[in-house]
Amino acid sequence: MPRLSVLSEVQRQMLQFFPCMEADGAPWSPLSKPLNQATAAIVTTAGLHLRDDKPFNRDHPGGESTYRVIPSDSDAANIVQSHFSIGFDRTAIYRDINITFPMDRVRELAERGVIGSVAPNHYSFMGALRDCTVVAEQTGPEVAQRLKAEGVDLVLLTPT
């Protein structure tokens, strides 16, 4: 297990005082139907969006808390990333979007009958937020309502 003592003073201070939200319980709901009848969607924090959509705002204090809708029938070549955190290597995502946004794998699961169907839309947020309050109180619940209205039974959450 890595120890903070091997980090620089700046890195150590950042990690020790980074604001972290704590949930009151486990964010879990049991699946209410057999998997092969469930509709699945992807929600990611990879800062993905359609090429002609508005990029995530790099200058928003604390990080941008909005989301982007990615129709499930989108072509992978039309999905780009505007995530601006320096905390990860984007090389693999540039080579294959399925690394962090497994849309082709979810389609394959539906085609093989493992899941019932793919939802009409997937959703993308910006990760590496310093303040998650807006996502927790506004945009997250808004996406949850959209997913529910779209008949989604199962959500695959993927980080950056």
Protein backbone atom coordinates (compact mmCIF):
# COMPACT_ATOMS: atom_id res chain seq x y z
CA MET A 1 0.00 0.00 0.00
CA PRO A 2 1.47 3.38 -0.99
CA ARG A 3 2.42 5.68 1.83
CA LEU A 4 1.99 9.42 1.83
CA SER A 5 5.58 9.78 3.00
CA VAL A 6 6.88 8.96 -0.49
CA LEU A 7 4.99 11.92 -1.99
CA SER A 8 6.11 15.51 -2.22
CA GLU A 9 4.80 17.93 0.38
CA VAL A 10 2.43 19.50 -2.17
CA GLN A 11 1.00 16.10 -3.18
CA ARG A 12 0.67 15.02 0.44
CA GLN A 13 -1.17 18.21 1.42
CA MET A 14 -3.49 17.95 -1.58
CA LEU A 15 -4.47 14.38 -0.73
CA GLN A 16 -4.87 15.00 2.98
CA PHE A 17 -7.18 17.96 2.49
CA PHE A 18 -8.99 16.98 -0.72
CA PRO A 19 -12.74 17.36 -0.12
CA CYS A 20 -14.43 13.97 -0.20
CA MET A 21 -18.16 13.40 0.06
CA GLU A 22 -19.34 10.50 2.18
CA ALA A 23 -22.57 8.65 1.44
CA ASP A 24 -24.96 7.71 4.22
CA GLY A 25 -25.46 4.25 2.74
CA ALA A 26 -24.51 2.02 -0.13
CA PRO A 27 -25.79 3.33 -3.48
CA TRP A 28 -27.33 0.04 -4.47
CA SER A 29 -30.68 -1.17 -5.74
CA PRO A 30 -31.28 -4.84 -6.45
CA LEU A 31 -32.17 -5.74 -10.02
CA SER A 32 -35.93 -6.13 -10.20
CA LYS A 33 -36.01 -8.47 -13.21
CA PRO A 34 -33.83 -11.12 -14.80
CA LEU A 35 -30.67 -9.74 -16.39
CA ASN A 36 -31.71 -11.00 -19.83
CA GLN A 37 -34.79 -8.74 -19.61
CA ALA A 38 -33.02 -5.66 -18.24
CA THR A 39 -32.36 -2.42 -20.13
CA ALA A 40 -28.81 -1.15 -19.57
CA ALA A 41 -27.17 2.26 -19.85
CA ILE A 42 -23.69 3.63 -19.20
CA VAL A 43 -22.95 6.61 -16.96
CA THR A 44 -19.34 7.77 -17.00
CA THR A 45 -17.16 10.46 -15.44
CA ALA A 46 -14.79 10.44 -18.40
CA GLY A 47 -15.86 13.85 -19.72
CA LEU A 48 -17.08 12.36 -23.00
CA HIS A 49 -19.47 14.02 -25.43
CA LEU A 50 -20.45 14.04 -29.07
CA ARG A 51 -17.99 15.81 -31.35
CA ASP A 52 -20.50 18.60 -32.13
CA ASP A 53 -21.66 18.97 -28.51
CA LYS A 54 -20.41 21.58 -26.08
CA PRO A 55 -17.10 20.54 -24.45
CA PHE A 56 -16.87 20.48 -20.67
CA ASN A 57 -15.69 23.83 -19.29
CA ARG A 58 -12.08 23.79 -18.13
CA ASP A 59 -12.43 27.12 -16.33
CA HIS A 60 -15.39 26.31 -14.10
CA PRO A 61 -14.35 26.72 -10.45
CA GLY A 62 -14.35 23.32 -8.74
CA GLY A 63 -15.15 21.56 -12.01
CA GLU A 64 -18.18 21.53 -14.27
CA SER A 65 -21.15 19.66 -12.81
CA THR A 66 -23.29 19.35 -15.94
CA TYR A 67 -23.66 16.23 -18.05
CA ARG A 68 -23.84 15.28 -21.70
CA VAL A 69 -26.27 12.89 -23.37
CA ILE A 70 -24.72 10.34 -25.70
CA PRO A 71 -27.32 8.47 -27.77
CA SER A 72 -26.66 4.74 -27.60
CA ASP A 73 -26.55 4.44 -31.38
CA SER A 74 -23.69 6.96 -31.63
CA ASP A 75 -20.64 6.02 -33.66
CA ALA A 76 -17.53 5.75 -31.48
CA ALA A 77 -15.67 8.01 -33.94
CA ASN A 78 -18.13 10.78 -33.09
CA ILE A 79 -17.42 10.66 -29.33
CA VAL A 80 -14.61 12.81 -27.98
CA GLN A 81 -13.20 13.56 -24.56
CA SER A 82 -12.80 17.03 -23.10
CA HIS A 83 -11.83 15.83 -19.62
CA PHE A 84 -8.98 18.03 -18.52
CA SER A 85 -7.58 16.38 -15.40
CA ILE A 86 -3.85 15.78 -15.55
CA GLY A 87 -4.35 12.78 -13.28
CA PHE A 88 -4.66 10.08 -15.91
CA ASP A 89 -3.22 8.86 -19.19
CA ARG A 90 -5.71 9.19 -22.09
CA THR A 91 -3.74 7.07 -24.55
CA ALA A 92 -5.85 3.92 -24.15
CA ILE A 93 -9.11 5.88 -24.48
CA TYR A 94 -7.86 7.49 -27.70
CA ARG A 95 -7.12 4.04 -29.10
CA ASP A 96 -10.40 2.44 -27.97
CA ILE A 97 -13.27 4.37 -26.38
CA ASN A 98 -14.53 1.06 -24.94
CA ILE A 99 -11.74 1.21 -22.36
CA THR A 100 -13.77 3.67 -20.31
CA PHE A 101 -17.06 3.77 -22.21
CA PRO A 102 -17.84 0.16 -23.20
CA MET A 103 -20.67 0.95 -25.59
CA ASP A 104 -19.71 -1.79 -28.06
CA ARG A 105 -19.50 -4.37 -25.28
CA VAL A 106 -22.96 -3.38 -23.96
CA ARG A 107 -24.38 -3.69 -27.50
CA GLU A 108 -22.77 -7.14 -27.78
CA LEU A 109 -24.34 -8.21 -24.48
CA ALA A 110 -27.75 -7.21 -25.83
CA GLU A 111 -27.13 -8.99 -29.15
CA ARG A 112 -26.14 -12.19 -27.29
CA GLY A 113 -29.21 -11.98 -25.04
CA VAL A 114 -27.20 -11.53 -21.84
CA ILE A 115 -29.07 -8.26 -21.21
CA GLY A 116 -32.48 -7.42 -22.60
CA SER A 117 -31.62 -4.20 -24.41
CA VAL A 118 -29.51 -1.06 -24.53
CA ALA A 119 -31.11 2.16 -23.29
CA PRO A 120 -31.68 4.94 -25.82
CA ASN A 121 -29.09 7.17 -24.13
CA HIS A 122 -25.92 7.04 -22.08
CA TYR A 123 -24.70 9.93 -19.89
CA SER A 124 -21.33 11.52 -19.25
CA PHE A 125 -20.13 13.76 -16.43
CA MET A 126 -16.79 15.41 -15.83
CA GLY A 127 -14.70 13.59 -13.27
CA ALA A 128 -12.07 15.02 -10.90
CA LEU A 129 -14.50 17.52 -9.39
CA ARG A 130 -13.37 19.42 -6.34
CA ASP A 131 -16.98 20.09 -5.34
CA CYS A 132 -19.54 17.34 -6.03
CA THR A 133 -22.47 19.12 -4.37
CA VAL A 134 -24.23 20.08 -7.62
CA VAL A 135 -23.89 16.55 -9.01
CA ALA A 136 -25.15 15.02 -5.74
CA GLU A 137 -28.07 17.40 -5.34
CA GLN A 138 -29.06 18.42 -8.89
CA THR A 139 -27.55 16.93 -12.03
CA GLY A 140 -27.09 13.40 -10.64
CA PRO A 141 -30.75 13.11 -9.57
CA GLU A 142 -31.78 14.67 -12.90
CA VAL A 143 -29.90 11.97 -14.81
CA ALA A 144 -31.38 9.32 -12.51
CA GLN A 145 -34.87 10.57 -13.38
CA ARG A 146 -34.03 10.53 -17.09
CA LEU A 147 -32.74 6.97 -16.82
CA LYS A 148 -35.88 5.92 -14.98
CA ALA A 149 -38.10 7.61 -17.60
CA GLU A 150 -36.15 5.77 -20.33
CA GLY A 151 -36.92 2.43 -18.67
CA VAL A 152 -33.36 1.71 -17.55
CA ASP A 153 -33.02 -1.17 -15.09
CA LEU A 154 -29.25 -1.41 -14.90
CA VAL A 155 -26.50 1.23 -15.05
CA LEU A 156 -22.85 0.51 -15.67
CA LEU A 157 -20.84 3.24 -13.92
CA THR A 158 -17.43 3.85 -15.45
CA PRO A 159 -14.76 6.19 -14.09
CA THR A 160 -12.23 8.15 -16.04
